[in-house]
C-alpha cells in the first residue's frame, strides 16, 4: 500500500464534496492477536447498524470497509498499520467517515491524517483524554493532533467517556474499596501520563492520600524486588499503574504481591490484558481494573433489542464492546442524514457531516442518552469496575462518578 502525502489537498478545492452516489465508512480494528474476538464483535455490530439503517444515509448508498489495525508480525495493533489504514481512507474519494481506533491513545496516529483531509473520525473505545482536551502531561495537546484545524476544525469525536471520567471512576472504586493511601506508578510510555496525573487530582479530591512521586519504573527490569519494597515502605494500601505491558511490569505486580499480599493493585483495562493476567500469579486476587464497558445488563433497554438482533444474525451474545461499535456507526449514519438535510440538493461535503456529528443529541441509544460536546467528547460518564477471577476479568459493578454515593 502506497503512502501518500498531502491527503487533504485535493478535497479542499471542492469544499470536501464527495462525488457519486455511494459513500464509504472505513472501520479500523485490530483483528489479530489478543483483541481479535472483541474486534470481530465490534465490526459485526457496525455491520448490523448499517444493515438496520437500510444500507443508506442521506441520498447515498453506504458501504462499510473493515480494515485490520494489527499485523501478524506485531501480533497486536500496529502503529504503522493504523497509519496505512488512515491514509487509505484519506485517499479514497468516496470516504465519508472513519470509525477507529480500539486502544487508548492509538487514535493519535490516525487523527492528524484524517484531519488533514477534513474527514470525520469517530472512535468507539479510545479513551485517551489528550486527543480532545488539554493536559499538561502531553505538550501541545490536543491541538497538535489537528494539523488542518484552521480550515476544517476538529474532526475527531468518540462515543466512549474519556480518561478524565476514568480517573474519577478509579478514585470512586478505590474509595469504595477502603483505600486510604495510594501510590501512582508509570513507566516510560508517555501514553499513560495524562491518566496518572488526572488520577492524582481525583484521588486527592476523594480524600485519598497520594504518596510522594516515584521515578518511572523500569519496565524492562526482571527484578523488581527493591522497587516493591520501597513502595511498601510508603505505607500505601493500594498501587495504581498505567503504562506498557512489558515483562518488568508483570514482575513488579508479582513482587508487590509477595512484599504485601493485602496490597490492592489497580490498573486500566489496557494494561490488564489476557497475557498479563496469565503471568501475574497470586497477584490476580488483588488486581482491580477499570474499563469503559459495563455488564450487559447495565445498559438501557435499547441494548436488549440490539443484543437480540445480534444473536439472531450471528448466533451468540457479543462482548459489551460491540455496543460502542454499533452506536458509533448509528451516530455517523445519523450525522450523514442530518448533513444531507442541511446540504439539500447540493453534493454532501465532509464539513456537512463533521458539523452534524458535533451537534449530536442522541436519545434512547444502546449506551444511553448523550450529547457530543465541542471538543468531541460524549456526555456519558460511567465506567466498569472489574476484578480478576481465575484467569479472567469479571465485571463487579458500574462506577458512576457523576452521581454522589453514600
Protein backbone atom coordinates (compact mmCIF):
# COMPACT_ATOMS: atom_id res chain seq x y z
CA UNK A 1 0.00 0.00 0.00
CA UNK A 2 1.47 3.32 -1.10
CA UNK A 3 1.83 6.05 1.48
CA UNK A 4 0.52 9.41 0.39
CA UNK A 5 1.29 12.98 1.33
CA UNK A 6 -0.97 15.99 1.40
CA UNK A 7 -4.02 13.78 1.86
CA UNK A 8 -6.50 16.62 2.09
CA UNK A 9 -5.27 18.87 -0.71
CA UNK A 10 -7.49 17.56 -3.48
CA UNK A 11 -10.65 17.84 -1.44
CA UNK A 12 -10.16 21.40 -0.34
CA UNK A 13 -10.62 22.57 -3.93
CA UNK A 14 -14.25 21.41 -4.00
CA UNK A 15 -15.09 22.09 -0.37
CA UNK A 16 -14.76 18.43 0.59
CA UNK A 17 -17.65 17.32 -1.63
CA UNK A 18 -17.99 13.56 -2.05
CA UNK A 19 -18.78 12.57 -5.65
CA UNK A 20 -21.11 9.87 -6.93
CA UNK A 21 -23.99 8.07 -5.23
CA UNK A 22 -22.04 5.81 -2.84
CA UNK A 23 -20.17 6.66 0.33
CA UNK A 24 -17.67 4.59 2.29
CA UNK A 25 -17.21 4.34 6.03
CA UNK A 26 -13.89 2.76 6.98
CA UNK A 27 -13.56 0.76 10.21
CA UNK A 28 -10.13 0.18 11.77
CA UNK A 29 -9.94 -2.53 14.46
CA UNK A 30 -7.10 -4.91 15.50
CA UNK A 31 -8.29 -8.21 14.05
CA UNK A 32 -5.11 -10.11 15.00
CA UNK A 33 -3.78 -11.15 18.39
CA UNK A 34 -5.44 -10.80 21.81
CA UNK A 35 -8.00 -8.24 20.57
CA UNK A 36 -9.33 -10.47 17.78
CA UNK A 37 -12.57 -11.61 19.43
CA UNK A 38 -13.58 -8.18 20.70
CA UNK A 39 -12.69 -6.53 17.40
CA UNK A 40 -14.76 -9.05 15.44
CA UNK A 41 -17.73 -8.32 17.71
CA UNK A 42 -17.29 -4.58 17.18
CA UNK A 43 -17.11 -4.91 13.39
CA UNK A 44 -20.12 -7.22 13.30
CA UNK A 45 -22.07 -4.75 15.40
CA UNK A 46 -21.07 -1.98 12.99
CA UNK A 47 -22.34 -4.04 10.06
CA UNK A 48 -25.57 -4.71 11.92
CA UNK A 49 -26.08 -0.97 12.49
CA UNK A 50 -25.64 -0.29 8.79
CA UNK A 51 -27.98 -3.14 7.88
CA UNK A 52 -30.69 -1.83 10.22
CA UNK A 53 -30.32 1.61 8.64
CA UNK A 54 -31.14 0.12 5.27
CA UNK A 55 -27.59 0.41 3.94
CA UNK A 56 -28.24 4.05 3.10
CA UNK A 57 -27.93 7.51 4.61
CA UNK A 58 -28.92 10.82 3.10
CA UNK A 59 -29.37 10.05 -0.57
CA UNK A 60 -26.35 7.74 -0.69
CA UNK A 61 -25.74 4.02 -0.57
CA UNK A 62 -23.26 3.30 2.23
CA UNK A 63 -20.61 0.59 2.29
CA UNK A 64 -18.57 -0.34 5.36
CA UNK A 65 -14.98 -1.39 4.70
CA UNK A 66 -13.29 -3.20 7.60
CA UNK A 67 -9.52 -2.75 7.89
CA UNK A 68 -7.18 -4.67 10.20
CA UNK A 69 -5.28 -2.38 12.58
CA UNK A 70 -3.00 -5.26 13.63
CA UNK A 71 -0.35 -7.25 11.78
CA UNK A 72 0.77 -10.88 12.12
CA UNK A 73 4.32 -9.69 12.76
CA UNK A 74 3.33 -7.41 15.65
CA UNK A 75 0.73 -9.86 16.95
CA UNK A 76 -1.37 -6.88 18.04
CA UNK A 77 -2.31 -3.38 16.89
CA UNK A 78 0.48 -1.83 14.89
CA UNK A 79 1.05 1.95 14.61
CA UNK A 80 2.34 1.59 11.05
CA UNK A 81 -0.77 -0.35 10.06
CA UNK A 82 -3.07 2.24 11.61
CA UNK A 83 -1.23 4.89 9.60
CA UNK A 84 -1.80 2.89 6.42
CA UNK A 85 -5.48 2.49 7.25
CA UNK A 86 -5.96 6.20 7.82
CA UNK A 87 -4.05 7.10 4.67
CA UNK A 88 -6.15 4.70 2.63
CA UNK A 89 -9.34 6.28 3.92
CA UNK A 90 -7.99 9.80 3.36
CA UNK A 91 -7.06 8.96 -0.24
CA UNK A 92 -10.40 7.36 -1.15
CA UNK A 93 -12.69 10.00 -2.75
CA UNK A 94 -15.78 8.08 -1.53
CA UNK A 95 -14.80 8.21 2.16
CA UNK A 96 -17.31 9.99 4.37
CA UNK A 97 -16.14 8.80 7.81
CA UNK A 98 -13.65 6.59 9.61
CA UNK A 99 -14.51 4.58 12.74
CA UNK A 100 -11.48 3.74 14.88
CA UNK A 101 -9.45 3.03 16.95
CA UNK A 102 -9.78 0.47 19.75
CA UNK A 103 -6.85 1.10 22.11
CA UNK A 104 -6.44 4.16 24.28
CA UNK A 105 -4.17 6.65 22.54
CA UNK A 106 -3.91 4.76 19.25
CA UNK A 107 -6.18 7.30 17.51
CA UNK A 108 -3.32 9.79 17.85
CA UNK A 109 -1.89 8.12 14.74
CA UNK A 110 -4.98 8.38 12.55
CA UNK A 111 -6.41 11.72 13.70
CA UNK A 112 -3.79 14.00 12.04
CA UNK A 113 -4.06 12.18 8.70
CA UNK A 114 -7.84 12.36 8.63
CA UNK A 115 -7.94 15.91 9.95
CA UNK A 116 -5.65 16.92 7.11
CA UNK A 117 -8.32 15.58 4.74
CA UNK A 118 -11.21 17.03 6.75
CA UNK A 119 -12.76 13.59 7.32
CA UNK A 120 -14.82 12.73 10.41
CA UNK A 121 -13.25 10.13 12.71
CA UNK A 122 -15.33 8.55 15.46
CA UNK A 123 -13.77 6.21 17.99
CA UNK A 124 -15.87 3.56 19.68
CA UNK A 125 -13.43 2.91 22.55
CA UNK A 126 -10.34 5.17 22.57
CA UNK A 127 -10.49 6.97 25.93
CA UNK A 128 -7.21 9.00 25.82
CA UNK A 129 -8.11 12.45 27.11
CA UNK A 130 -5.26 14.28 25.35
CA UNK A 131 -6.97 13.69 21.98
CA UNK A 132 -9.76 16.11 22.89
CA UNK A 133 -8.73 18.09 25.98
CA UNK A 134 -5.64 19.91 27.15
CA UNK A 135 -3.40 18.10 29.59
CA UNK A 136 -0.05 19.31 30.90
CA UNK A 137 1.22 15.72 30.66
CA UNK A 138 1.25 15.88 26.83
CA UNK A 139 2.75 19.07 25.43
CA UNK A 140 0.64 20.73 22.77
CA UNK A 141 -2.42 18.57 23.38
CA UNK A 142 -4.97 18.43 21.93
CA UNK A 143 -4.33 20.93 19.14
CA UNK A 144 -1.18 19.19 17.93
CA UNK A 145 -3.33 16.32 16.62
CA UNK A 146 -5.23 18.64 14.26
CA UNK A 147 -2.83 19.98 11.58
CA UNK A 148 -5.69 21.36 9.46
CA UNK A 149 -7.54 22.88 12.40
CA UNK A 150 -7.71 26.39 10.94
CA UNK A 151 -9.51 25.18 7.78
CA UNK A 152 -11.62 22.23 8.90
CA UNK A 153 -11.76 22.48 12.70
CA UNK A 154 -11.81 19.40 14.89
CA UNK A 155 -12.72 16.16 13.14
CA UNK A 156 -12.37 13.57 15.93
CA UNK A 157 -15.10 12.54 18.35
CA UNK A 158 -15.97 9.45 20.39
CA UNK A 159 -18.94 7.67 21.92
CA UNK A 160 -16.97 6.38 24.93
CA UNK A 161 -16.20 8.50 28.02
CA UNK A 162 -12.63 9.77 28.19
CA UNK A 163 -9.92 9.14 30.78
CA UNK A 164 -10.90 12.19 32.79
CA UNK A 165 -14.05 10.25 33.63
CA UNK A 166 -12.00 7.09 34.16
CA UNK A 167 -9.79 8.87 36.71
CA UNK A 168 -12.87 9.87 38.71
CA UNK A 169 -14.23 6.32 38.38
CA UNK A 170 -10.94 4.90 39.65
CA UNK A 171 -10.99 7.21 42.66
CA UNK A 172 -14.59 6.16 43.37
CA UNK A 173 -13.67 2.47 43.08
CA UNK A 174 -10.74 2.95 45.46
CA UNK A 175 -12.86 4.83 47.97
CA UNK A 176 -15.47 2.05 47.85
CA UNK A 177 -12.70 -0.49 48.50
CA UNK A 178 -11.38 1.40 51.53
CA UNK A 179 -8.16 2.77 50.03
CA UNK A 180 -6.54 5.43 52.19
CA UNK A 181 -3.01 5.77 50.75
CA UNK A 182 -2.23 5.36 47.08
CA UNK A 183 1.00 5.01 45.10
CA UNK A 184 0.72 6.01 41.43
CA UNK A 185 3.25 4.45 39.08
CA UNK A 186 4.11 4.92 35.41
CA UNK A 187 6.90 3.82 33.11
CA UNK A 188 8.50 5.41 30.03
CA UNK A 189 5.31 5.01 27.98
CA UNK A 190 4.05 8.60 27.83
CA UNK A 191 0.54 7.49 26.81
CA UNK A 192 -0.22 6.75 30.46
CA UNK A 193 0.89 10.10 31.87
CA UNK A 194 -2.39 12.02 31.44
CA UNK A 195 -4.43 9.36 33.26
CA UNK A 196 -1.84 9.14 36.06
CA UNK A 197 -1.78 12.91 36.53
CA UNK A 198 -5.56 13.20 36.49
CA UNK A 199 -5.97 10.30 38.92
CA UNK A 200 -3.70 12.08 41.36
CA UNK A 201 -6.10 15.01 41.47
CA UNK A 202 -9.19 12.78 41.53
CA UNK A 203 -7.81 10.67 44.39
CA UNK A 204 -6.97 13.72 46.48
CA UNK A 205 -10.46 15.10 45.88
CA UNK A 206 -11.88 11.77 47.08
CA UNK A 207 -9.91 12.02 50.34
CA UNK A 208 -7.21 9.53 49.35
CA UNK A 209 -3.62 10.40 50.25
CA UNK A 210 -1.26 10.06 47.28
CA UNK A 211 2.22 9.05 48.46
CA UNK A 212 5.21 11.06 47.15
CA UNK A 213 6.07 10.68 43.49
CA UNK A 214 8.49 7.99 42.40
CA UNK A 215 10.60 7.90 39.26
CA UNK A 216 9.08 5.89 36.40
CA UNK A 217 9.60 2.17 36.82
CA UNK A 218 11.98 0.28 34.54
CA UNK A 219 9.52 -1.85 32.62
CA UNK A 220 12.34 -3.98 31.22
CA UNK A 221 13.83 -4.93 34.61
CA UNK A 222 13.10 -8.51 35.60
CA UNK A 223 13.97 -7.98 39.27
CA UNK A 224 11.53 -5.55 40.90
CA UNK A 225 12.15 -6.60 44.50
CA UNK A 226 13.76 -3.37 45.66
CA UNK A 227 11.16 -1.20 43.98
CA UNK A 228 8.35 -3.21 45.56
CA UNK A 229 9.98 -2.83 48.98
CA UNK A 230 10.25 0.95 48.55
CA UNK A 231 6.58 1.17 47.63
CA UNK A 232 5.56 -0.96 50.61
CA UNK A 233 7.63 1.30 52.89
CA UNK A 234 5.45 4.29 51.96
CA UNK A 235 2.54 2.74 53.82
CA UNK A 236 0.39 2.66 50.67
CA UNK A 237 -2.51 0.24 50.82
CA UNK A 238 -3.04 0.44 47.06
CA UNK A 239 -0.94 0.86 43.92
CA UNK A 240 -2.09 2.13 40.54
CA UNK A 241 -0.03 1.53 37.42
CA UNK A 242 -0.59 2.78 33.88
CA UNK A 243 1.84 2.29 31.03
CA UNK A 244 3.17 -0.57 28.95
CA UNK A 245 2.69 -4.29 29.47
CA UNK A 246 6.37 -5.19 29.22
CA UNK A 247 7.71 -8.14 31.26
CA UNK A 248 9.04 -5.88 34.01
CA UNK A 249 5.52 -4.70 34.82
CA UNK A 250 4.44 -8.31 35.37
CA UNK A 251 7.41 -8.80 37.67
CA UNK A 252 6.55 -5.65 39.61
CA UNK A 253 2.97 -6.92 40.09
CA UNK A 254 4.29 -10.24 41.42
CA UNK A 255 6.89 -8.56 43.62
CA UNK A 256 4.31 -6.18 45.13
CA UNK A 257 2.06 -9.11 45.97
CA UNK A 258 4.94 -11.01 47.60
CA UNK A 259 6.01 -7.95 49.56
CA UNK A 260 2.49 -7.17 50.83
CA UNK A 261 -0.22 -9.72 49.91
CA UNK A 262 -3.05 -7.42 51.03
CA UNK A 263 -1.93 -4.57 48.76
CA UNK A 264 -4.67 -3.62 46.29
CA UNK A 265 -3.37 -3.40 42.72
CA UNK A 266 -5.20 -1.16 40.24
CA UNK A 267 -4.75 -0.62 36.51
CA UNK A 268 -6.81 0.32 33.44
CA UNK A 269 -8.01 -2.43 31.15
CA UNK A 270 -5.38 -1.54 28.55
CA UNK A 271 -2.72 -2.93 30.92
CA UNK A 272 -4.55 -5.96 32.29
CA UNK A 273 -4.96 -7.99 29.11
CA UNK A 274 -5.13 -11.79 28.92
CA UNK A 275 -1.34 -12.39 28.74
CA UNK A 276 -0.81 -10.07 31.73
CA UNK A 277 -3.44 -11.90 33.80
CA UNK A 278 -1.93 -15.27 32.93
CA UNK A 279 1.53 -14.13 34.08
CA UNK A 280 0.89 -12.38 37.42
CA UNK A 281 0.21 -15.48 39.51
CA UNK A 282 -1.12 -14.89 43.03
CA UNK A 283 -1.40 -11.15 42.38
CA UNK A 284 -4.58 -11.86 40.42
CA UNK A 285 -6.65 -11.95 43.61
CA UNK A 286 -5.67 -8.36 44.47
CA UNK A 287 -5.97 -6.92 40.97
CA UNK A 288 -8.73 -4.41 40.29
CA UNK A 289 -9.41 -2.90 36.89
CA UNK A 290 -11.48 -0.13 35.31
CA UNK A 291 -12.77 -0.49 31.76
CA UNK A 292 -15.26 1.52 29.73
CA UNK A 293 -17.61 -1.43 29.03
CA UNK A 294 -20.14 -2.31 31.71
CA UNK A 295 -22.02 -5.54 32.29
CA UNK A 296 -24.52 -6.14 29.51
CA UNK A 297 -27.43 -5.86 31.96
CA UNK A 298 -26.31 -2.35 32.98
CA UNK A 299 -27.14 -0.74 29.64
CA UNK A 300 -30.52 0.82 28.83
CA UNK A 301 -33.45 -1.01 27.17
CA UNK A 302 -32.29 -0.29 23.61
CA UNK A 303 -29.28 -2.53 24.28
CA UNK A 304 -31.55 -5.52 24.79
CA UNK A 305 -33.03 -5.05 21.34
CA UNK A 306 -29.54 -4.79 19.87
CA UNK A 307 -28.39 -7.96 21.65
CA UNK A 308 -31.44 -9.86 20.40
CA UNK A 309 -30.72 -8.72 16.83
CA UNK A 310 -27.04 -9.59 17.14
CA UNK A 311 -27.85 -13.08 18.42
CA UNK A 312 -30.39 -13.57 15.65
CA UNK A 313 -27.86 -12.67 12.95
CA UNK A 314 -24.63 -14.11 14.38
CA UNK A 315 -25.82 -16.80 16.78
CA UNK A 316 -24.14 -15.68 20.01
CA UNK A 317 -24.05 -12.86 22.57
CA UNK A 318 -21.24 -10.36 21.87
CA UNK A 319 -18.81 -8.68 24.24
CA UNK A 320 -20.12 -5.35 25.59
CA UNK A 321 -17.59 -3.51 23.40
CA UNK A 322 -19.91 -4.32 20.48
CA UNK A 323 -22.41 -1.78 21.81
CA UNK A 324 -19.88 1.01 21.24
CA UNK A 325 -19.19 -0.05 17.65
CA UNK A 326 -22.91 -0.25 16.98
CA UNK A 327 -23.57 3.21 18.38
CA UNK A 328 -20.56 4.74 16.58
CA UNK A 329 -21.95 3.67 13.20
CA UNK A 330 -25.52 4.68 14.08
CA UNK A 331 -24.29 8.12 15.13
CA UNK A 332 -22.28 8.52 11.91
CA UNK A 333 -25.26 7.50 9.78
CA UNK A 334 -27.47 9.93 11.66
CA UNK A 335 -24.90 12.69 11.05
CA UNK A 336 -24.94 11.88 7.31
CA UNK A 337 -28.74 12.10 7.30
CA UNK A 338 -28.67 15.45 9.09
CA UNK A 339 -25.80 16.71 6.97
CA UNK A 340 -27.76 15.86 3.83
CA UNK A 341 -30.78 17.71 5.16
CA UNK A 342 -28.57 20.78 5.53
CA UNK A 343 -26.99 20.31 2.09
CA UNK A 344 -30.33 20.00 0.32
CA UNK A 345 -29.88 19.40 -3.41
CA UNK A 346 -26.14 20.01 -3.50
CA UNK A 347 -23.50 17.33 -3.02
CA UNK A 348 -22.81 16.33 0.58
CA UNK A 349 -19.46 17.54 1.91
CA UNK A 350 -17.18 16.41 4.69
CA UNK A 351 -17.81 19.64 6.65
CA UNK A 352 -21.56 18.95 6.49
CA UNK A 353 -21.05 15.60 8.23
CA UNK A 354 -18.45 16.83 10.73
CA UNK A 355 -20.66 19.74 11.81
CA UNK A 356 -23.68 17.45 12.11
CA UNK A 357 -21.82 14.93 14.23
CA UNK A 358 -20.58 17.60 16.64
CA UNK A 359 -24.22 18.65 17.10
CA UNK A 360 -25.29 15.13 18.07
CA UNK A 361 -28.01 14.97 20.72
CA UNK A 362 -28.66 11.23 20.94
CA UNK A 363 -31.59 9.83 22.88
CA UNK A 364 -32.62 6.27 23.62
CA UNK A 365 -29.40 4.72 22.35
CA UNK A 366 -27.84 1.42 23.40
CA UNK A 367 -25.38 3.41 25.52
CA UNK A 368 -27.91 5.82 26.96
CA UNK A 369 -28.73 9.47 26.27
CA UNK A 370 -25.76 11.64 25.40
CA UNK A 371 -24.59 14.69 23.51
CA UNK A 372 -21.26 15.34 21.78
CA UNK A 373 -19.60 18.49 23.08
CA UNK A 374 -17.49 20.97 21.12
CA UNK A 375 -14.32 19.01 21.95
CA UNK A 376 -15.72 15.76 20.55
CA UNK A 377 -16.41 14.09 23.88
CA UNK A 378 -19.59 12.32 24.92
CA UNK A 379 -21.66 13.24 27.95
CA UNK A 380 -21.68 9.62 29.13
CA UNK A 381 -19.95 9.17 32.50
CA UNK A 382 -19.90 5.54 33.61
CA UNK A 383 -17.00 3.08 33.73
CA UNK A 384 -16.99 -0.53 34.84
CA UNK A 385 -15.31 -1.92 37.96
CA UNK A 386 -13.68 -5.32 37.40
CA UNK A 387 -11.80 -7.94 39.42
CA UNK A 388 -9.62 -10.78 38.20
CA UNK A 389 -11.34 -14.08 38.99
CA UNK A 390 -9.40 -17.16 37.98
CA UNK A 391 -7.74 -16.01 34.78
CA UNK A 392 -10.46 -13.71 33.54
CA UNK A 393 -11.79 -10.25 34.25
CA UNK A 394 -15.18 -10.31 35.92
CA UNK A 395 -17.46 -7.29 35.97
CA UNK A 396 -18.28 -6.17 39.54
CA UNK A 397 -20.45 -3.07 39.21
CA UNK A 398 -20.84 0.18 37.28
CA UNK A 399 -18.98 3.22 38.57
CA UNK A 400 -20.80 6.49 38.11
CA UNK A 401 -18.60 9.35 39.35
CA UNK A 402 -21.25 11.76 38.08
CA UNK A 403 -23.55 10.68 40.90
CA UNK A 404 -22.86 11.02 44.63
CA UNK A 405 -22.58 7.82 46.61
CA UNK A 406 -23.24 7.15 50.26
